[in-house]
Amino acid sequence: MLSTEFQEIDRYIFAFNLEMRLAFWTRGEITHCIGSVSLFIIICQQANALYAMAIAHAIQSEADKQFVYDSICGWAIKLDVDRQLIDLIAIAAEHSPQDFTQQQGWVCIAFQNALWQLLHAPSLQTGITDTVMRGGDTDTNAAICGALLGAVYGIDQVPDQWLKCILNCKPEPHNPNVQHPRPQKYWPCDAFELVTQLIGV
């Protein structure tokens, strides 16, 4: 079950009048209370908000990749985000990050890459694979890119082999084939159930 905190975010992201509600979210108490738990720098909080808006918008509207990117550009201006973030969004239309290893884990690298892959990758699989091949914080960058591309392309574009791996992944502690056991609540095999809760279906 989603926590009360996440249900609150869910209501803001997936409600009607998305842009205005998220404008409030990105500038108000909710961002400072929730975003600052893991993101201490304002540009990180703003990138996180734009990213959440883009995913929600793509899922709701089934918009194409160019429309999603253009929406991000518009929201960034409307919400008066940090100038560095506005510039990064513009640069992402033409260039992927130059260096994935210096400052790996930095949100600007992951966000720029996700936007660049959104506009330039011919498929979800290519975008995620290319992201991993660039090195750096590969799992984080691929997850951020994958969520955005997944929202635009839909589950039908996720390779069957990937889906089977995720939906059958149960890293139990006493299984000799498991290198890194995880508590059951972190197993990815219930991904569909979690997604259903997140989008409130």
C-alpha atoms as a PDB file:
ATOM      1  CA  MET A   1       0.000   0.000   0.000  1.00  0.00           C
ATOM      2  CA  LEU A   2       1.303   3.469  -0.820  1.00  0.00           C
ATOM      3  CA  SER A   3       2.120   5.724   2.106  1.00  0.00           C
ATOM      4  CA  THR A   4       0.015   8.813   2.784  1.00  0.00           C
ATOM      5  CA  GLU A   5       2.898  10.957   1.486  1.00  0.00           C
ATOM      6  CA  PHE A   6       2.911   9.225  -1.887  1.00  0.00           C
ATOM      7  CA  GLN A   7      -0.873   9.278  -2.139  1.00  0.00           C
ATOM      8  CA  GLU A   8      -0.672  13.045  -1.675  1.00  0.00           C
ATOM      9  CA  ILE A   9       1.865  13.345  -4.505  1.00  0.00           C
ATOM     10  CA  ASP A  10      -0.277  11.003  -6.599  1.00  0.00           C
ATOM     11  CA  ARG A  11      -3.278  13.307  -6.240  1.00  0.00           C
ATOM     12  CA  TYR A  12      -1.282  16.316  -7.401  1.00  0.00           C
ATOM     13  CA  ILE A  13       0.327  14.589 -10.356  1.00  0.00           C
ATOM     14  CA  PHE A  14      -2.647  12.695 -11.742  1.00  0.00           C
ATOM     15  CA  ALA A  15      -5.448  15.152 -11.026  1.00  0.00           C
ATOM     16  CA  PHE A  16      -7.091  17.374 -13.602  1.00  0.00           C
ATOM     17  CA  ASN A  17      -5.472  20.745 -14.308  1.00  0.00           C
ATOM     18  CA  LEU A  18      -2.082  19.065 -14.103  1.00  0.00           C
ATOM     19  CA  GLU A  19       0.097  22.079 -14.832  1.00  0.00           C
ATOM     20  CA  MET A  20      -1.458  24.349 -12.217  1.00  0.00           C
ATOM     21  CA  ARG A  21      -1.507  21.716  -9.503  1.00  0.00           C
ATOM     22  CA  LEU A  22       2.097  20.809 -10.140  1.00  0.00           C
ATOM     23  CA  ALA A  23       3.063  24.466 -10.265  1.00  0.00           C
ATOM     24  CA  PHE A  24       1.794  24.642  -6.708  1.00  0.00           C
ATOM     25  CA  TRP A  25       3.570  21.392  -5.853  1.00  0.00           C
ATOM     26  CA  THR A  26       6.929  22.474  -7.241  1.00  0.00           C
ATOM     27  CA  ARG A  27       6.871  25.843  -5.480  1.00  0.00           C
ATOM     28  CA  GLY A  28       5.093  25.057  -2.246  1.00  0.00           C
ATOM     29  CA  GLU A  29       5.329  23.178   0.994  1.00  0.00           C
ATOM     30  CA  ILE A  30       5.031  19.739  -0.592  1.00  0.00           C
ATOM     31  CA  THR A  31       8.260  20.070  -2.547  1.00  0.00           C
ATOM     32  CA  HIS A  32      10.166  21.336   0.446  1.00  0.00           C
ATOM     33  CA  CYS A  33       8.827  18.622   2.747  1.00  0.00           C
ATOM     34  CA  ILE A  34       9.096  15.659   0.376  1.00  0.00           C
ATOM     35  CA  GLY A  35      11.688  16.683  -2.211  1.00  0.00           C
ATOM     36  CA  SER A  36      14.188  17.847   0.366  1.00  0.00           C
ATOM     37  CA  VAL A  37      14.183  14.445   2.050  1.00  0.00           C
ATOM     38  CA  SER A  38      16.493  13.129  -0.661  1.00  0.00           C
ATOM     39  CA  LEU A  39      17.208  16.181  -2.825  1.00  0.00           C
ATOM     40  CA  PHE A  40      18.850  19.061  -0.988  1.00  0.00           C
ATOM     41  CA  ILE A  41      19.698  21.277  -3.969  1.00  0.00           C
ATOM     42  CA  ILE A  42      16.851  23.300  -5.493  1.00  0.00           C
ATOM     43  CA  ILE A  43      17.788  22.437  -9.086  1.00  0.00           C
ATOM     44  CA  CYS A  44      17.438  18.756  -8.168  1.00  0.00           C
ATOM     45  CA  GLN A  45      13.984  19.362  -6.716  1.00  0.00           C
ATOM     46  CA  GLN A  46      12.938  21.306  -9.814  1.00  0.00           C
ATOM     47  CA  ALA A  47      14.276  18.659 -12.214  1.00  0.00           C
ATOM     48  CA  ASN A  48      12.473  16.011 -10.179  1.00  0.00           C
ATOM     49  CA  ALA A  49       9.192  17.925 -10.391  1.00  0.00           C
ATOM     50  CA  LEU A  50       9.477  18.470 -14.171  1.00  0.00           C
ATOM     51  CA  TYR A  51      10.326  14.798 -14.610  1.00  0.00           C
ATOM     52  CA  ALA A  52       7.269  13.707 -12.593  1.00  0.00           C
ATOM     53  CA  MET A  53       5.076  16.102 -14.567  1.00  0.00           C
ATOM     54  CA  ALA A  54       6.394  14.736 -17.860  1.00  0.00           C
ATOM     55  CA  ILE A  55       5.737  11.127 -16.887  1.00  0.00           C
ATOM     56  CA  ALA A  56       2.243  11.910 -15.607  1.00  0.00           C
ATOM     57  CA  HIS A  57       1.430  13.937 -18.715  1.00  0.00           C
ATOM     58  CA  ALA A  58       2.722  11.238 -21.070  1.00  0.00           C
ATOM     59  CA  ILE A  59       0.674   8.535 -19.338  1.00  0.00           C
ATOM     60  CA  GLN A  60      -2.501  10.615 -19.232  1.00  0.00           C
ATOM     61  CA  SER A  61      -2.397  12.107 -22.703  1.00  0.00           C
ATOM     62  CA  GLU A  62      -0.448   9.468 -24.673  1.00  0.00           C
ATOM     63  CA  ALA A  63       1.417  12.426 -26.148  1.00  0.00           C
ATOM     64  CA  ASP A  64       4.333  11.839 -28.506  1.00  0.00           C
ATOM     65  CA  LYS A  65       7.927  12.473 -27.473  1.00  0.00           C
ATOM     66  CA  GLN A  66       8.213  15.925 -29.055  1.00  0.00           C
ATOM     67  CA  PHE A  67       5.056  17.120 -27.328  1.00  0.00           C
ATOM     68  CA  VAL A  68       6.309  15.817 -23.972  1.00  0.00           C
ATOM     69  CA  TYR A  69       9.638  17.606 -24.453  1.00  0.00           C
ATOM     70  CA  ASP A  70       7.909  20.837 -25.513  1.00  0.00           C
ATOM     71  CA  SER A  71       5.683  20.600 -22.439  1.00  0.00           C
ATOM     72  CA  ILE A  72       8.742  20.307 -20.194  1.00  0.00           C
ATOM     73  CA  CYS A  73      10.190  23.433 -21.826  1.00  0.00           C
ATOM     74  CA  GLY A  74       6.948  25.306 -21.233  1.00  0.00           C
ATOM     75  CA  TRP A  75       6.618  24.214 -17.607  1.00  0.00           C
ATOM     76  CA  ALA A  76      10.227  25.188 -16.885  1.00  0.00           C
ATOM     77  CA  ILE A  77       9.505  28.747 -18.046  1.00  0.00           C
ATOM     78  CA  LYS A  78       6.120  28.956 -16.290  1.00  0.00           C
ATOM     79  CA  LEU A  79       7.551  27.711 -13.023  1.00  0.00           C
ATOM     80  CA  ASP A  80      10.576  29.996 -13.271  1.00  0.00           C
ATOM     81  CA  VAL A  81      13.039  27.205 -12.546  1.00  0.00           C
ATOM     82  CA  ASP A  82      16.771  27.758 -12.140  1.00  0.00           C
ATOM     83  CA  ARG A  83      18.401  29.179 -15.288  1.00  0.00           C
ATOM     84  CA  GLN A  84      20.920  26.340 -15.336  1.00  0.00           C
ATOM     85  CA  LEU A  85      18.061  23.849 -15.603  1.00  0.00           C
ATOM     86  CA  ILE A  86      16.377  25.795 -18.418  1.00  0.00           C
ATOM     87  CA  ASP A  87      19.674  25.832 -20.319  1.00  0.00           C
ATOM     88  CA  LEU A  88      20.194  22.119 -19.701  1.00  0.00           C
ATOM     89  CA  ILE A  89      16.737  21.313 -21.090  1.00  0.00           C
ATOM     90  CA  ALA A  90      17.505  23.339 -24.230  1.00  0.00           C
ATOM     91  CA  ILE A  91      20.931  21.720 -24.676  1.00  0.00           C
ATOM     92  CA  ALA A  92      19.401  18.246 -24.306  1.00  0.00           C
ATOM     93  CA  ALA A  93      17.521  18.746 -27.571  1.00  0.00           C
ATOM     94  CA  GLU A  94      20.828  18.648 -29.453  1.00  0.00           C
ATOM     95  CA  HIS A  95      23.411  17.027 -27.181  1.00  0.00           C
ATOM     96  CA  SER A  96      23.674  14.171 -24.726  1.00  0.00           C
ATOM     97  CA  PRO A  97      25.856  14.747 -21.634  1.00  0.00           C
ATOM     98  CA  GLN A  98      29.524  14.933 -22.595  1.00  0.00           C
ATOM     99  CA  ASP A  99      30.793  13.133 -19.510  1.00  0.00           C
ATOM    100  CA  PHE A 100      28.881  10.419 -17.660  1.00  0.00           C
ATOM    101  CA  THR A 101      31.645   9.516 -15.201  1.00  0.00           C
ATOM    102  CA  GLN A 102      32.748  12.846 -13.718  1.00  0.00           C
ATOM    103  CA  GLN A 103      30.177  13.690 -11.029  1.00  0.00           C
ATOM    104  CA  GLN A 104      28.312  10.467 -11.757  1.00  0.00           C
ATOM    105  CA  GLY A 105      25.016  10.352  -9.912  1.00  0.00           C
ATOM    106  CA  TRP A 106      24.439  14.099 -10.515  1.00  0.00           C
ATOM    107  CA  VAL A 107      20.802  14.654 -11.412  1.00  0.00           C
ATOM    108  CA  CYS A 108      21.651  16.981 -14.307  1.00  0.00           C
ATOM    109  CA  ILE A 109      23.493  14.177 -16.128  1.00  0.00           C
ATOM    110  CA  ALA A 110      20.590  11.769 -15.734  1.00  0.00           C
ATOM    111  CA  PHE A 111      17.945  14.358 -16.654  1.00  0.00           C
ATOM    112  CA  GLN A 112      19.800  15.640 -19.717  1.00  0.00           C
ATOM    113  CA  ASN A 113      20.389  12.091 -20.915  1.00  0.00           C
ATOM    114  CA  ALA A 114      16.723  11.161 -20.411  1.00  0.00           C
ATOM    115  CA  LEU A 115      15.594  14.164 -22.463  1.00  0.00           C
ATOM    116  CA  TRP A 116      18.161  13.518 -25.181  1.00  0.00           C
ATOM    117  CA  GLN A 117      17.156   9.853 -25.425  1.00  0.00           C
ATOM    118  CA  LEU A 118      13.487  10.884 -25.461  1.00  0.00           C
ATOM    119  CA  LEU A 119      14.084  12.973 -28.577  1.00  0.00           C
ATOM    120  CA  HIS A 120      16.732  10.898 -30.362  1.00  0.00           C
ATOM    121  CA  ALA A 121      16.445   7.209 -29.445  1.00  0.00           C
ATOM    122  CA  PRO A 122      14.453   5.278 -32.068  1.00  0.00           C
ATOM    123  CA  SER A 123      12.977   2.969 -29.408  1.00  0.00           C
ATOM    124  CA  LEU A 124      12.720   2.433 -25.679  1.00  0.00           C
ATOM    125  CA  GLN A 125      15.155  -0.488 -25.822  1.00  0.00           C
ATOM    126  CA  THR A 126      17.748   1.493 -27.777  1.00  0.00           C
ATOM    127  CA  GLY A 127      17.492   4.475 -25.433  1.00  0.00           C
ATOM    128  CA  ILE A 128      17.998   2.401 -22.296  1.00  0.00           C
ATOM    129  CA  THR A 129      20.762   0.250 -23.799  1.00  0.00           C
ATOM    130  CA  ASP A 130      22.629   3.283 -25.118  1.00  0.00           C
ATOM    131  CA  THR A 131      22.356   4.932 -21.704  1.00  0.00           C
ATOM    132  CA  VAL A 132      23.937   1.932 -19.976  1.00  0.00           C
ATOM    133  CA  MET A 133      26.725   1.717 -22.557  1.00  0.00           C
ATOM    134  CA  ARG A 134      27.789   5.292 -21.780  1.00  0.00           C
ATOM    135  CA  GLY A 135      28.978   4.298 -18.302  1.00  0.00           C
ATOM    136  CA  GLY A 136      28.883   6.296 -15.096  1.00  0.00           C
ATOM    137  CA  ASP A 137      25.956   5.701 -12.753  1.00  0.00           C
ATOM    138  CA  THR A 138      24.407   3.282 -15.230  1.00  0.00           C
ATOM    139  CA  ASP A 139      21.571   1.857 -13.149  1.00  0.00           C
ATOM    140  CA  THR A 140      20.313   5.272 -12.041  1.00  0.00           C
ATOM    141  CA  ASN A 141      20.641   6.831 -15.493  1.00  0.00           C
ATOM    142  CA  ALA A 142      18.913   3.859 -17.137  1.00  0.00           C
ATOM    143  CA  ALA A 143      16.079   3.862 -14.595  1.00  0.00           C
ATOM    144  CA  ILE A 144      15.438   7.593 -15.051  1.00  0.00           C
ATOM    145  CA  CYS A 145      15.620   7.336 -18.824  1.00  0.00           C
ATOM    146  CA  GLY A 146      13.563   4.133 -18.846  1.00  0.00           C
ATOM    147  CA  ALA A 147      10.703   5.569 -16.814  1.00  0.00           C
ATOM    148  CA  LEU A 148      10.371   8.573 -19.120  1.00  0.00           C
ATOM    149  CA  LEU A 149      10.631   6.520 -22.306  1.00  0.00           C
ATOM    150  CA  GLY A 150       8.289   3.915 -20.845  1.00  0.00           C
ATOM    151  CA  ALA A 151       5.667   6.575 -20.146  1.00  0.00           C
ATOM    152  CA  VAL A 152       5.860   7.712 -23.777  1.00  0.00           C
ATOM    153  CA  TYR A 153       6.250   4.364 -25.572  1.00  0.00           C
ATOM    154  CA  GLY A 154       4.120   2.211 -23.271  1.00  0.00           C
ATOM    155  CA  ILE A 155       4.603  -1.293 -21.951  1.00  0.00           C
ATOM    156  CA  ASP A 156       4.200  -2.888 -25.376  1.00  0.00           C
ATOM    157  CA  GLN A 157       7.621  -1.524 -26.316  1.00  0.00           C
ATOM    158  CA  VAL A 158       9.400  -3.148 -23.353  1.00  0.00           C
ATOM    159  CA  PRO A 159      11.221  -6.262 -24.639  1.00  0.00           C
ATOM    160  CA  ASP A 160       9.604  -9.537 -23.494  1.00  0.00           C
ATOM    161  CA  GLN A 161      12.901 -10.767 -22.086  1.00  0.00           C
ATOM    162  CA  TRP A 162      13.146  -7.694 -19.837  1.00  0.00           C
ATOM    163  CA  LEU A 163       9.558  -8.086 -18.630  1.00  0.00           C
ATOM    164  CA  LYS A 164      10.069 -11.761 -17.814  1.00  0.00           C
ATOM    165  CA  CYS A 165      13.220 -10.969 -15.836  1.00  0.00           C
ATOM    166  CA  ILE A 166      11.462  -8.289 -13.798  1.00  0.00           C
ATOM    167  CA  LEU A 167       8.225 -10.179 -13.179  1.00  0.00           C
ATOM    168  CA  ASN A 168      10.054 -13.364 -12.157  1.00  0.00           C
ATOM    169  CA  CYS A 169      12.699 -11.689  -9.998  1.00  0.00           C
ATOM    170  CA  LYS A 170      12.449 -12.979  -6.413  1.00  0.00           C
ATOM    171  CA  PRO A 171      15.874 -12.562  -4.793  1.00  0.00           C
ATOM    172  CA  GLU A 172      15.318 -14.915  -1.856  1.00  0.00           C
ATOM    173  CA  PRO A 173      18.081 -15.183   0.760  1.00  0.00           C
ATOM    174  CA  HIS A 174      18.627 -18.967   0.572  1.00  0.00           C
ATOM    175  CA  ASN A 175      18.551 -19.348  -3.205  1.00  0.00           C
ATOM    176  CA  PRO A 176      22.062 -20.326  -4.441  1.00  0.00           C
ATOM    177  CA  ASN A 177      21.454 -18.435  -7.704  1.00  0.00           C
ATOM    178  CA  VAL A 178      20.868 -15.143  -5.879  1.00  0.00           C
ATOM    179  CA  GLN A 179      23.962 -12.986  -5.375  1.00  0.00           C
ATOM    180  CA  HIS A 180      22.280 -10.066  -3.604  1.00  0.00           C
ATOM    181  CA  PRO A 181      19.214 -11.124  -1.570  1.00  0.00           C
ATOM    182  CA  ARG A 182      16.615  -8.429  -0.913  1.00  0.00           C
ATOM    183  CA  PRO A 183      13.672  -8.194   1.508  1.00  0.00           C
ATOM    184  CA  GLN A 184      10.439  -9.290  -0.171  1.00  0.00           C
ATOM    185  CA  LYS A 185       8.941  -5.793  -0.074  1.00  0.00           C
ATOM    186  CA  TYR A 186      11.687  -4.686  -2.520  1.00  0.00           C
ATOM    187  CA  TRP A 187      11.193  -7.462  -5.064  1.00  0.00           C
ATOM    188  CA  PRO A 188      10.325  -6.117  -8.534  1.00  0.00           C
ATOM    189  CA  CYS A 189       7.970  -9.003  -9.361  1.00  0.00           C
ATOM    190  CA  ASP A 190       4.965  -6.950  -8.204  1.00  0.00           C
ATOM    191  CA  ALA A 191       5.829  -4.019 -10.487  1.00  0.00           C
ATOM    192  CA  PHE A 192       2.429  -4.064 -12.214  1.00  0.00           C
ATOM    193  CA  GLU A 193       0.629  -3.875  -8.877  1.00  0.00           C
ATOM    194  CA  LEU A 194       2.753  -0.907  -7.793  1.00  0.00           C
ATOM    195  CA  VAL A 195       2.188   0.903 -11.082  1.00  0.00           C
ATOM    196  CA  THR A 196      -1.556   0.386 -10.752  1.00  0.00           C
ATOM    197  CA  GLN A 197      -1.470   1.951  -7.291  1.00  0.00           C
ATOM    198  CA  LEU A 198       0.663   4.861  -8.496  1.00  0.00           C
ATOM    199  CA  ILE A 199      -1.665   5.829 -11.313  1.00  0.00           C
ATOM    200  CA  GLY A 200      -4.753   5.236  -9.200  1.00  0.00           C
ATOM    201  CA  VAL A 201      -6.404   2.776 -11.584  1.00  0.00           C
END
